[in-house]
Every structure is written in structure tokens, then in C-alpha cells.
């Protein structure tokens, strides 16, 4: 990531922002209380790479995640995540 980069991780049909890095402001923000708290204490954001890690995933974390990058220009990439599990 460059010094003026801003990235956002968004989730779901409403593109709710769940994590953000603003290098220029030297700020990392994780919005784990959005969407009824489904991401509470589960999100880890790497400040050097922008990688998002979701721990202890369940089926409620399945869906479309969009990585939005502003670095002199706008770009985005959508990832579709499926979560499968067994009930015991």
C-alpha cells in the first residue's frame, strides 16, 4: 500500500463497510458492530497488505465481499465467500 491509499472492505447487497484503511490519515477502522454485530471480534485487517481475515466463520458470513481501492484512481474486486459446516 502507498502513503495515500484508502481501501474499504464491504459486505452484502447493501455494500456495508466492515473495515477500512486510510494510509494518509494513518487510520485503520474495523466496523464490527454493523449488521447486527455478526462480525464482532472476528475481523482482522493487515495494515501493510490490506488483507482481511475473518475468524470463527459461520454461514452468516457467507456472501459477497467487495474490496474497494482508491489510489489515484478507483478500482474494486468482488469475492464470493461460501461457508459450509456440519451440524453435530
PDB file of N, CA and C in Angstrom:
ATOM      1  N   UNK A   1       0.839  -1.176   0.000  1.00  0.00           N
ATOM      2  CA  UNK A   1       0.000   0.000   0.000  1.00  0.00           C
ATOM      3  C   UNK A   1       0.888   1.245   0.000  1.00  0.00           C
ATOM      4  N   UNK A   2       0.422   2.260  -0.710  1.00  0.00           N
ATOM      5  CA  UNK A   2       1.141   3.531  -0.773  1.00  0.00           C
ATOM      6  C   UNK A   2       0.633   4.483   0.303  1.00  0.00           C
ATOM      7  N   UNK A   3       1.360   5.594   0.494  1.00  0.00           N
ATOM      8  CA  UNK A   3       1.046   6.535   1.564  1.00  0.00           C
ATOM      9  C   UNK A   3      -0.304   7.223   1.426  1.00  0.00           C
ATOM     10  N   UNK A   4      -0.858   7.293   0.215  1.00  0.00           N
ATOM     11  CA  UNK A   4      -2.132   7.992   0.036  1.00  0.00           C
ATOM     12  C   UNK A   4      -3.288   7.040  -0.265  1.00  0.00           C
ATOM     13  N   UNK A   5      -3.073   5.745  -0.098  1.00  0.00           N
ATOM     14  CA  UNK A   5      -4.104   4.753  -0.403  1.00  0.00           C
ATOM     15  C   UNK A   5      -5.223   4.752   0.634  1.00  0.00           C
ATOM     16  N   UNK A   6      -6.427   4.480   0.158  1.00  0.00           N
ATOM     17  CA  UNK A   6      -7.584   4.211   1.017  1.00  0.00           C
ATOM     18  C   UNK A   6      -8.215   2.941   0.479  1.00  0.00           C
ATOM     19  N   UNK A   7      -8.440   1.974   1.362  1.00  0.00           N
ATOM     20  CA  UNK A   7      -9.149   0.763   0.944  1.00  0.00           C
ATOM     21  C   UNK A   7     -10.327   0.550   1.881  1.00  0.00           C
ATOM     22  N   UNK A   8     -11.364  -0.049   1.330  1.00  0.00           N
ATOM     23  CA  UNK A   8     -12.542  -0.408   2.121  1.00  0.00           C
ATOM     24  C   UNK A   8     -12.918  -1.838   1.781  1.00  0.00           C
ATOM     25  N   UNK A   9     -13.271  -2.597   2.805  1.00  0.00           N
ATOM     26  CA  UNK A   9     -13.897  -3.900   2.626  1.00  0.00           C
ATOM     27  C   UNK A   9     -15.380  -3.711   2.895  1.00  0.00           C
ATOM     28  N   UNK A  10     -16.207  -4.173   1.952  1.00  0.00           N
ATOM     29  CA  UNK A  10     -17.666  -4.045   2.069  1.00  0.00           C
ATOM     30  C   UNK A  10     -18.297  -5.430   1.990  1.00  0.00           C
ATOM     31  N   UNK A  11     -19.485  -5.553   2.598  1.00  0.00           N
ATOM     32  CA  UNK A  11     -20.154  -6.848   2.632  1.00  0.00           C
ATOM     33  C   UNK A  11     -21.622  -6.713   2.278  1.00  0.00           C
ATOM     34  N   UNK A  12     -22.127  -7.698   1.542  1.00  0.00           N
ATOM     35  CA  UNK A  12     -23.553  -7.862   1.309  1.00  0.00           C
ATOM     36  C   UNK A  12     -24.130  -7.001   0.210  1.00  0.00           C
ATOM     37  N   UNK A  13     -25.433  -7.161   0.013  1.00  0.00           N
ATOM     38  CA  UNK A  13     -26.156  -6.454  -1.038  1.00  0.00           C
ATOM     39  C   UNK A  13     -26.134  -4.940  -0.849  1.00  0.00           C
ATOM     40  N   UNK A  14     -26.069  -4.494   0.416  1.00  0.00           N
ATOM     41  CA  UNK A  14     -26.068  -3.058   0.697  1.00  0.00           C
ATOM     42  C   UNK A  14     -24.665  -2.464   0.672  1.00  0.00           C
ATOM     43  N   UNK A  15     -23.639  -3.300   0.413  1.00  0.00           N
ATOM     44  CA  UNK A  15     -22.239  -2.851   0.412  1.00  0.00           C
ATOM     45  C   UNK A  15     -21.871  -2.141   1.711  1.00  0.00           C
ATOM     46  N   UNK A  16     -22.233  -2.731   2.829  1.00  0.00           N
ATOM     47  CA  UNK A  16     -21.928  -2.172   4.135  1.00  0.00           C
ATOM     48  C   UNK A  16     -20.425  -2.224   4.388  1.00  0.00           C
ATOM     49  N   UNK A  17     -19.824  -1.086   4.744  1.00  0.00           N
ATOM     50  CA  UNK A  17     -18.388  -1.038   5.033  1.00  0.00           C
ATOM     51  C   UNK A  17     -18.136  -1.761   6.353  1.00  0.00           C
ATOM     52  N   UNK A  18     -17.240  -2.769   6.318  1.00  0.00           N
ATOM     53  CA  UNK A  18     -16.911  -3.515   7.535  1.00  0.00           C
ATOM     54  C   UNK A  18     -15.480  -3.253   8.008  1.00  0.00           C
ATOM     55  N   UNK A  19     -14.624  -2.721   7.121  1.00  0.00           N
ATOM     56  CA  UNK A  19     -13.251  -2.403   7.507  1.00  0.00           C
ATOM     57  C   UNK A  19     -12.678  -1.389   6.526  1.00  0.00           C
ATOM     58  N   UNK A  20     -11.740  -0.577   7.027  1.00  0.00           N
ATOM     59  CA  UNK A  20     -11.202   0.492   6.189  1.00  0.00           C
ATOM     60  C   UNK A  20      -9.789   0.855   6.644  1.00  0.00           C
ATOM     61  N   UNK A  21      -8.917   1.124   5.675  1.00  0.00           N
ATOM     62  CA  UNK A  21      -7.586   1.651   5.951  1.00  0.00           C
ATOM     63  C   UNK A  21      -7.439   2.952   5.176  1.00  0.00           C
ATOM     64  N   UNK A  22      -7.033   3.994   5.886  1.00  0.00           N
ATOM     65  CA  UNK A  22      -6.727   5.280   5.259  1.00  0.00           C
ATOM     66  C   UNK A  22      -5.276   5.587   5.621  1.00  0.00           C
ATOM     67  N   UNK A  23      -4.354   5.323   4.671  1.00  0.00           N
ATOM     68  CA  UNK A  23      -2.926   5.493   4.938  1.00  0.00           C
ATOM     69  C   UNK A  23      -2.571   6.953   5.189  1.00  0.00           C
ATOM     70  N   UNK A  24      -3.185   7.870   4.445  1.00  0.00           N
ATOM     71  CA  UNK A  24      -2.859   9.287   4.594  1.00  0.00           C
ATOM     72  C   UNK A  24      -3.207   9.789   5.998  1.00  0.00           C
ATOM     73  N   UNK A  25      -4.333   9.347   6.518  1.00  0.00           N
ATOM     74  CA  UNK A  25      -4.752   9.734   7.873  1.00  0.00           C
ATOM     75  C   UNK A  25      -4.154   8.803   8.935  1.00  0.00           C
ATOM     76  N   UNK A  26      -3.417   7.774   8.488  1.00  0.00           N
ATOM     77  CA  UNK A  26      -2.825   6.778   9.384  1.00  0.00           C
ATOM     78  C   UNK A  26      -3.892   6.174  10.296  1.00  0.00           C
ATOM     79  N   UNK A  27      -4.984   5.707   9.655  1.00  0.00           N
ATOM     80  CA  UNK A  27      -6.131   5.205  10.412  1.00  0.00           C
ATOM     81  C   UNK A  27      -6.574   3.843   9.878  1.00  0.00           C
ATOM     82  N   UNK A  28      -6.787   2.919  10.792  1.00  0.00           N
ATOM     83  CA  UNK A  28      -7.373   1.615  10.486  1.00  0.00           C
ATOM     84  C   UNK A  28      -8.643   1.509  11.311  1.00  0.00           C
ATOM     85  N   UNK A  29      -9.766   1.211  10.653  1.00  0.00           N
ATOM     86  CA  UNK A  29     -11.042   1.126  11.352  1.00  0.00           C
ATOM     87  C   UNK A  29     -11.720  -0.189  10.989  1.00  0.00           C
ATOM     88  N   UNK A  30     -12.180  -0.906  11.998  1.00  0.00           N
ATOM     89  CA  UNK A  30     -12.958  -2.129  11.809  1.00  0.00           C
ATOM     90  C   UNK A  30     -14.347  -1.845  12.358  1.00  0.00           C
ATOM     91  N   UNK A  31     -15.353  -1.991  11.511  1.00  0.00           N
ATOM     92  CA  UNK A  31     -16.740  -1.731  11.896  1.00  0.00           C
ATOM     93  C   UNK A  31     -17.417  -3.050  12.240  1.00  0.00           C
ATOM     94  N   UNK A  32     -17.021  -3.651  13.335  1.00  0.00           N
ATOM     95  CA  UNK A  32     -17.544  -4.978  13.649  1.00  0.00           C
ATOM     96  C   UNK A  32     -18.906  -4.953  14.326  1.00  0.00           C
ATOM     97  N   UNK A  33     -19.441  -3.758  14.589  1.00  0.00           N
ATOM     98  CA  UNK A  33     -20.761  -3.672  15.214  1.00  0.00           C
ATOM     99  C   UNK A  33     -21.886  -3.484  14.198  1.00  0.00           C
ATOM    100  N   UNK A  34     -21.560  -3.373  12.908  1.00  0.00           N
ATOM    101  CA  UNK A  34     -22.593  -3.224  11.884  1.00  0.00           C
ATOM    102  C   UNK A  34     -23.249  -4.574  11.618  1.00  0.00           C
ATOM    103  N   UNK A  35     -24.356  -4.545  10.906  1.00  0.00           N
ATOM    104  CA  UNK A  35     -25.063  -5.774  10.531  1.00  0.00           C
ATOM    105  C   UNK A  35     -25.368  -6.647  11.746  1.00  0.00           C
ATOM    106  N   UNK A  36     -25.943  -6.025  12.764  1.00  0.00           N
ATOM    107  CA  UNK A  36     -26.348  -6.720  13.992  1.00  0.00           C
ATOM    108  C   UNK A  36     -25.184  -7.389  14.709  1.00  0.00           C
ATOM    109  N   UNK A  37     -23.972  -6.899  14.501  1.00  0.00           N
ATOM    110  CA  UNK A  37     -22.804  -7.417  15.216  1.00  0.00           C
ATOM    111  C   UNK A  37     -22.283  -8.750  14.732  1.00  0.00           C
ATOM    112  N   UNK A  38     -22.664  -9.170  13.547  1.00  0.00           N
ATOM    113  CA  UNK A  38     -22.241 -10.502  13.081  1.00  0.00           C
ATOM    114  C   UNK A  38     -20.733 -10.634  12.919  1.00  0.00           C
ATOM    115  N   UNK A  39     -20.007  -9.511  12.809  1.00  0.00           N
ATOM    116  CA  UNK A  39     -18.558  -9.566  12.671  1.00  0.00           C
ATOM    117  C   UNK A  39     -17.820  -9.210  13.967  1.00  0.00           C
ATOM    118  N   UNK A  40     -18.545  -9.028  15.050  1.00  0.00           N
ATOM    119  CA  UNK A  40     -17.946  -8.595  16.315  1.00  0.00           C
ATOM    120  C   UNK A  40     -16.814  -9.535  16.738  1.00  0.00           C
ATOM    121  N   UNK A  41     -15.636  -8.948  16.975  1.00  0.00           N
ATOM    122  CA  UNK A  41     -14.439  -9.677  17.421  1.00  0.00           C
ATOM    123  C   UNK A  41     -13.979 -10.752  16.430  1.00  0.00           C
ATOM    124  N   UNK A  42     -14.332 -10.613  15.160  1.00  0.00           N
ATOM    125  CA  UNK A  42     -13.955 -11.616  14.163  1.00  0.00           C
ATOM    126  C   UNK A  42     -13.067 -11.064  13.046  1.00  0.00           C
ATOM    127  N   UNK A  43     -12.950  -9.733  12.932  1.00  0.00           N
ATOM    128  CA  UNK A  43     -12.237  -9.130  11.815  1.00  0.00           C
ATOM    129  C   UNK A  43     -10.826  -8.713  12.202  1.00  0.00           C
ATOM    130  N   UNK A  44      -9.881  -9.061  11.335  1.00  0.00           N
ATOM    131  CA  UNK A  44      -8.504  -8.616  11.480  1.00  0.00           C
ATOM    132  C   UNK A  44      -8.075  -8.046  10.136  1.00  0.00           C
ATOM    133  N   UNK A  45      -7.513  -6.842  10.158  1.00  0.00           N
ATOM    134  CA  UNK A  45      -7.124  -6.140   8.947  1.00  0.00           C
ATOM    135  C   UNK A  45      -5.624  -5.883   8.993  1.00  0.00           C
ATOM    136  N   UNK A  46      -4.899  -6.347   7.979  1.00  0.00           N
ATOM    137  CA  UNK A  46      -3.451  -6.156   7.902  1.00  0.00           C
ATOM    138  C   UNK A  46      -3.150  -4.780   7.327  1.00  0.00           C
ATOM    139  N   UNK A  47      -2.485  -3.931   8.105  1.00  0.00           N
ATOM    140  CA  UNK A  47      -2.261  -2.545   7.681  1.00  0.00           C
ATOM    141  C   UNK A  47      -1.244  -2.416   6.559  1.00  0.00           C
ATOM    142  N   UNK A  48      -0.421  -3.422   6.344  1.00  0.00           N
ATOM    143  CA  UNK A  48       0.576  -3.342   5.269  1.00  0.00           C
ATOM    144  C   UNK A  48       0.040  -3.857   3.941  1.00  0.00           C
ATOM    145  N   UNK A  49      -0.783  -4.902   3.985  1.00  0.00           N
ATOM    146  CA  UNK A  49      -1.266  -5.503   2.739  1.00  0.00           C
ATOM    147  C   UNK A  49      -2.725  -5.197   2.446  1.00  0.00           C
ATOM    148  N   UNK A  50      -3.501  -4.830   3.474  1.00  0.00           N
ATOM    149  CA  UNK A  50      -4.934  -4.611   3.302  1.00  0.00           C
ATOM    150  C   UNK A  50      -5.745  -5.889   3.358  1.00  0.00           C
ATOM    151  N   UNK A  51      -5.096  -7.011   3.646  1.00  0.00           N
ATOM    152  CA  UNK A  51      -5.797  -8.297   3.717  1.00  0.00           C
ATOM    153  C   UNK A  51      -6.765  -8.332   4.889  1.00  0.00           C
ATOM    154  N   UNK A  52      -7.934  -8.889   4.649  1.00  0.00           N
ATOM    155  CA  UNK A  52      -8.958  -9.032   5.683  1.00  0.00           C
ATOM    156  C   UNK A  52      -9.056 -10.501   6.075  1.00  0.00           C
ATOM    157  N   UNK A  53      -9.008 -10.768   7.371  1.00  0.00           N
ATOM    158  CA  UNK A  53      -9.180 -12.116   7.896  1.00  0.00           C
ATOM    159  C   UNK A  53     -10.431 -12.132   8.758  1.00  0.00           C
ATOM    160  N   UNK A  54     -11.282 -13.133   8.532  1.00  0.00           N
ATOM    161  CA  UNK A  54     -12.489 -13.315   9.341  1.00  0.00           C
ATOM    162  C   UNK A  54     -12.307 -14.610  10.111  1.00  0.00           C
ATOM    163  N   UNK A  55     -12.303 -14.522  11.433  1.00  0.00           N
ATOM    164  CA  UNK A  55     -12.107 -15.708  12.255  1.00  0.00           C
ATOM    165  C   UNK A  55     -13.456 -16.276  12.694  1.00  0.00           C
ATOM    166  N   UNK A  56     -13.456 -17.560  13.034  1.00  0.00           N
ATOM    167  CA  UNK A  56     -14.653 -18.236  13.538  1.00  0.00           C
ATOM    168  C   UNK A  56     -15.860 -18.000  12.631  1.00  0.00           C
ATOM    169  N   UNK A  57     -15.691 -18.273  11.348  1.00  0.00           N
ATOM    170  CA  UNK A  57     -16.769 -18.033  10.388  1.00  0.00           C
ATOM    171  C   UNK A  57     -17.927 -18.994  10.588  1.00  0.00           C
ATOM    172  N   UNK A  58     -19.106 -18.486  10.280  1.00  0.00           N
ATOM    173  CA  UNK A  58     -20.317 -19.295  10.274  1.00  0.00           C
ATOM    174  C   UNK A  58     -21.037 -19.010   8.958  1.00  0.00           C
ATOM    175  N   UNK A  59     -22.145 -19.661   8.742  1.00  0.00           N
ATOM    176  CA  UNK A  59     -22.880 -19.467   7.495  1.00  0.00           C
ATOM    177  C   UNK A  59     -23.385 -18.040   7.334  1.00  0.00           C
ATOM    178  N   UNK A  60     -23.542 -17.290   8.433  1.00  0.00           N
ATOM    179  CA  UNK A  60     -23.994 -15.902   8.317  1.00  0.00           C
ATOM    180  C   UNK A  60     -22.920 -14.981   7.736  1.00  0.00           C
ATOM    181  N   UNK A  61     -21.707 -15.489   7.572  1.00  0.00           N
ATOM    182  CA  UNK A  61     -20.624 -14.707   6.975  1.00  0.00           C
ATOM    183  C   UNK A  61     -20.468 -14.999   5.484  1.00  0.00           C
ATOM    184  N   UNK A  62     -21.280 -15.878   4.949  1.00  0.00           N
ATOM    185  CA  UNK A  62     -21.240 -16.177   3.519  1.00  0.00           C
ATOM    186  C   UNK A  62     -21.840 -15.010   2.741  1.00  0.00           C
ATOM    187  N   UNK A  63     -21.308 -14.761   1.567  1.00  0.00           N
ATOM    188  CA  UNK A  63     -21.848 -13.691   0.734  1.00  0.00           C
ATOM    189  C   UNK A  63     -20.778 -13.012  -0.080  1.00  0.00           C
ATOM    190  N   UNK A  64     -21.120 -11.860  -0.626  1.00  0.00           N
ATOM    191  CA  UNK A  64     -20.204 -11.108  -1.469  1.00  0.00           C
ATOM    192  C   UNK A  64     -19.453 -10.068  -0.643  1.00  0.00           C
ATOM    193  N   UNK A  65     -18.140 -10.104  -0.767  1.00  0.00           N
ATOM    194  CA  UNK A  65     -17.253  -9.122  -0.147  1.00  0.00           C
ATOM    195  C   UNK A  65     -16.619  -8.325  -1.272  1.00  0.00           C
ATOM    196  N   UNK A  66     -16.625  -7.012  -1.134  1.00  0.00           N
ATOM    197  CA  UNK A  66     -16.041  -6.158  -2.162  1.00  0.00           C
ATOM    198  C   UNK A  66     -14.871  -5.389  -1.559  1.00  0.00           C
ATOM    199  N   UNK A  67     -13.733  -5.454  -2.247  1.00  0.00           N
ATOM    200  CA  UNK A  67     -12.566  -4.666  -1.877  1.00  0.00           C
ATOM    201  C   UNK A  67     -12.537  -3.451  -2.788  1.00  0.00           C
ATOM    202  N   UNK A  68     -12.661  -2.259  -2.198  1.00  0.00           N
ATOM    203  CA  UNK A  68     -12.658  -1.010  -2.952  1.00  0.00           C
ATOM    204  C   UNK A  68     -11.365  -0.277  -2.637  1.00  0.00           C
ATOM    205  N   UNK A  69     -10.649   0.135  -3.695  1.00  0.00           N
ATOM    206  CA  UNK A  69      -9.360   0.796  -3.516  1.00  0.00           C
ATOM    207  C   UNK A  69      -9.369   2.151  -4.200  1.00  0.00           C
ATOM    208  N   UNK A  70      -8.877   3.148  -3.475  1.00  0.00           N
ATOM    209  CA  UNK A  70      -8.689   4.484  -4.013  1.00  0.00           C
ATOM    210  C   UNK A  70      -7.190   4.784  -3.926  1.00  0.00           C
ATOM    211  N   UNK A  71      -6.552   4.836  -5.066  1.00  0.00           N
ATOM    212  CA  UNK A  71      -5.115   5.093  -5.104  1.00  0.00           C
ATOM    213  C   UNK A  71      -4.820   5.920  -6.350  1.00  0.00           C
ATOM    214  N   UNK A  72      -5.290   7.163  -6.330  1.00  0.00           N
ATOM    215  CA  UNK A  72      -5.176   7.976  -7.528  1.00  0.00           C
ATOM    216  C   UNK A  72      -6.256   7.642  -8.542  1.00  0.00           C
ATOM    217  N   UNK A  73      -6.793   6.451  -8.451  1.00  0.00           N
ATOM    218  CA  UNK A  73      -7.916   6.013  -9.276  1.00  0.00           C
ATOM    219  C   UNK A  73      -8.716   4.998  -8.471  1.00  0.00           C
ATOM    220  N   UNK A  74      -9.913   4.744  -8.924  1.00  0.00           N
ATOM    221  CA  UNK A  74     -10.833   3.837  -8.234  1.00  0.00           C
ATOM    222  C   UNK A  74     -10.740   2.460  -8.867  1.00  0.00           C
ATOM    223  N   UNK A  75     -10.702   1.423  -8.049  1.00  0.00           N
ATOM    224  CA  UNK A  75     -10.824   0.058  -8.554  1.00  0.00           C
ATOM    225  C   UNK A  75     -11.498  -0.786  -7.479  1.00  0.00           C
ATOM    226  N   UNK A  76     -12.090  -1.895  -7.914  1.00  0.00           N
ATOM    227  CA  UNK A  76     -12.738  -2.778  -6.951  1.00  0.00           C
ATOM    228  C   UNK A  76     -12.677  -4.217  -7.434  1.00  0.00           C
ATOM    229  N   UNK A  77     -12.823  -5.123  -6.487  1.00  0.00           N
ATOM    230  CA  UNK A  77     -12.810  -6.555  -6.771  1.00  0.00           C
ATOM    231  C   UNK A  77     -13.811  -7.205  -5.832  1.00  0.00           C
ATOM    232  N   UNK A  78     -14.657  -8.076  -6.363  1.00  0.00           N
ATOM    233  CA  UNK A  78     -15.665  -8.755  -5.558  1.00  0.00           C
ATOM    234  C   UNK A  78     -15.249 -10.209  -5.343  1.00  0.00           C
ATOM    235  N   UNK A  79     -15.376 -10.661  -4.101  1.00  0.00           N
ATOM    236  CA  UNK A  79     -15.082 -12.038  -3.729  1.00  0.00           C
ATOM    237  C   UNK A  79     -16.364 -12.666  -3.212  1.00  0.00           C
ATOM    238  N   UNK A  80     -16.723 -13.821  -3.725  1.00  0.00           N
ATOM    239  CA  UNK A  80     -17.897 -14.547  -3.225  1.00  0.00           C
ATOM    240  C   UNK A  80     -17.397 -15.626  -2.270  1.00  0.00           C
ATOM    241  N   UNK A  81     -17.863 -15.563  -1.040  1.00  0.00           N
ATOM    242  CA  UNK A  81     -17.418 -16.477   0.003  1.00  0.00           C
ATOM    243  C   UNK A  81     -18.570 -17.397   0.387  1.00  0.00           C
ATOM    244  N   UNK A  82     -18.293 -18.701   0.370  1.00  0.00           N
ATOM    245  CA  UNK A  82     -19.261 -19.703   0.818  1.00  0.00           C
ATOM    246  C   UNK A  82     -18.742 -20.333   2.094  1.00  0.00           C
ATOM    247  N   UNK A  83     -19.653 -20.600   3.023  1.00  0.00           N
ATOM    248  CA  UNK A  83     -19.287 -21.238   4.287  1.00  0.00           C
ATOM    249  C   UNK A  83     -20.159 -22.469   4.442  1.00  0.00           C
ATOM    250  N   UNK A  84     -19.517 -23.606   4.609  1.00  0.00           N
ATOM    251  CA  UNK A  84     -20.228 -24.863   4.792  1.00  0.00           C
ATOM    252  C   UNK A  84     -19.860 -25.432   6.157  1.00  0.00           C
ATOM    253  N   UNK A  85     -20.763 -26.139   6.757  1.00  0.00           N
ATOM    254  CA  UNK A  85     -20.461 -26.727   8.046  1.00  0.00           C
ATOM    255  C   UNK A  85     -21.393 -27.880   8.332  1.00  0.00           C
ATOM    256  N   UNK A  86     -20.970 -28.686   9.284  1.00  0.00           N
ATOM    257  CA  UNK A  86     -21.778 -29.810   9.723  1.00  0.00           C
ATOM    258  C   UNK A  86     -22.422 -29.466  11.065  1.00  0.00           C
ATOM    259  N   UNK A  87     -23.629 -29.892  11.218  1.00  0.00           N
ATOM    260  CA  UNK A  87     -24.294 -29.749  12.494  1.00  0.00           C
ATOM    261  C   UNK A  87     -24.094 -31.028  13.282  1.00  0.00           C
ATOM    262  N   UNK A  88     -23.742 -30.898  14.517  1.00  0.00           N
ATOM    263  CA  UNK A  88     -23.491 -32.095  15.346  1.00  0.00           C
ATOM    264  C   UNK A  88     -24.456 -32.158  16.481  1.00  0.00           C
TER     265      UNK A  88
END
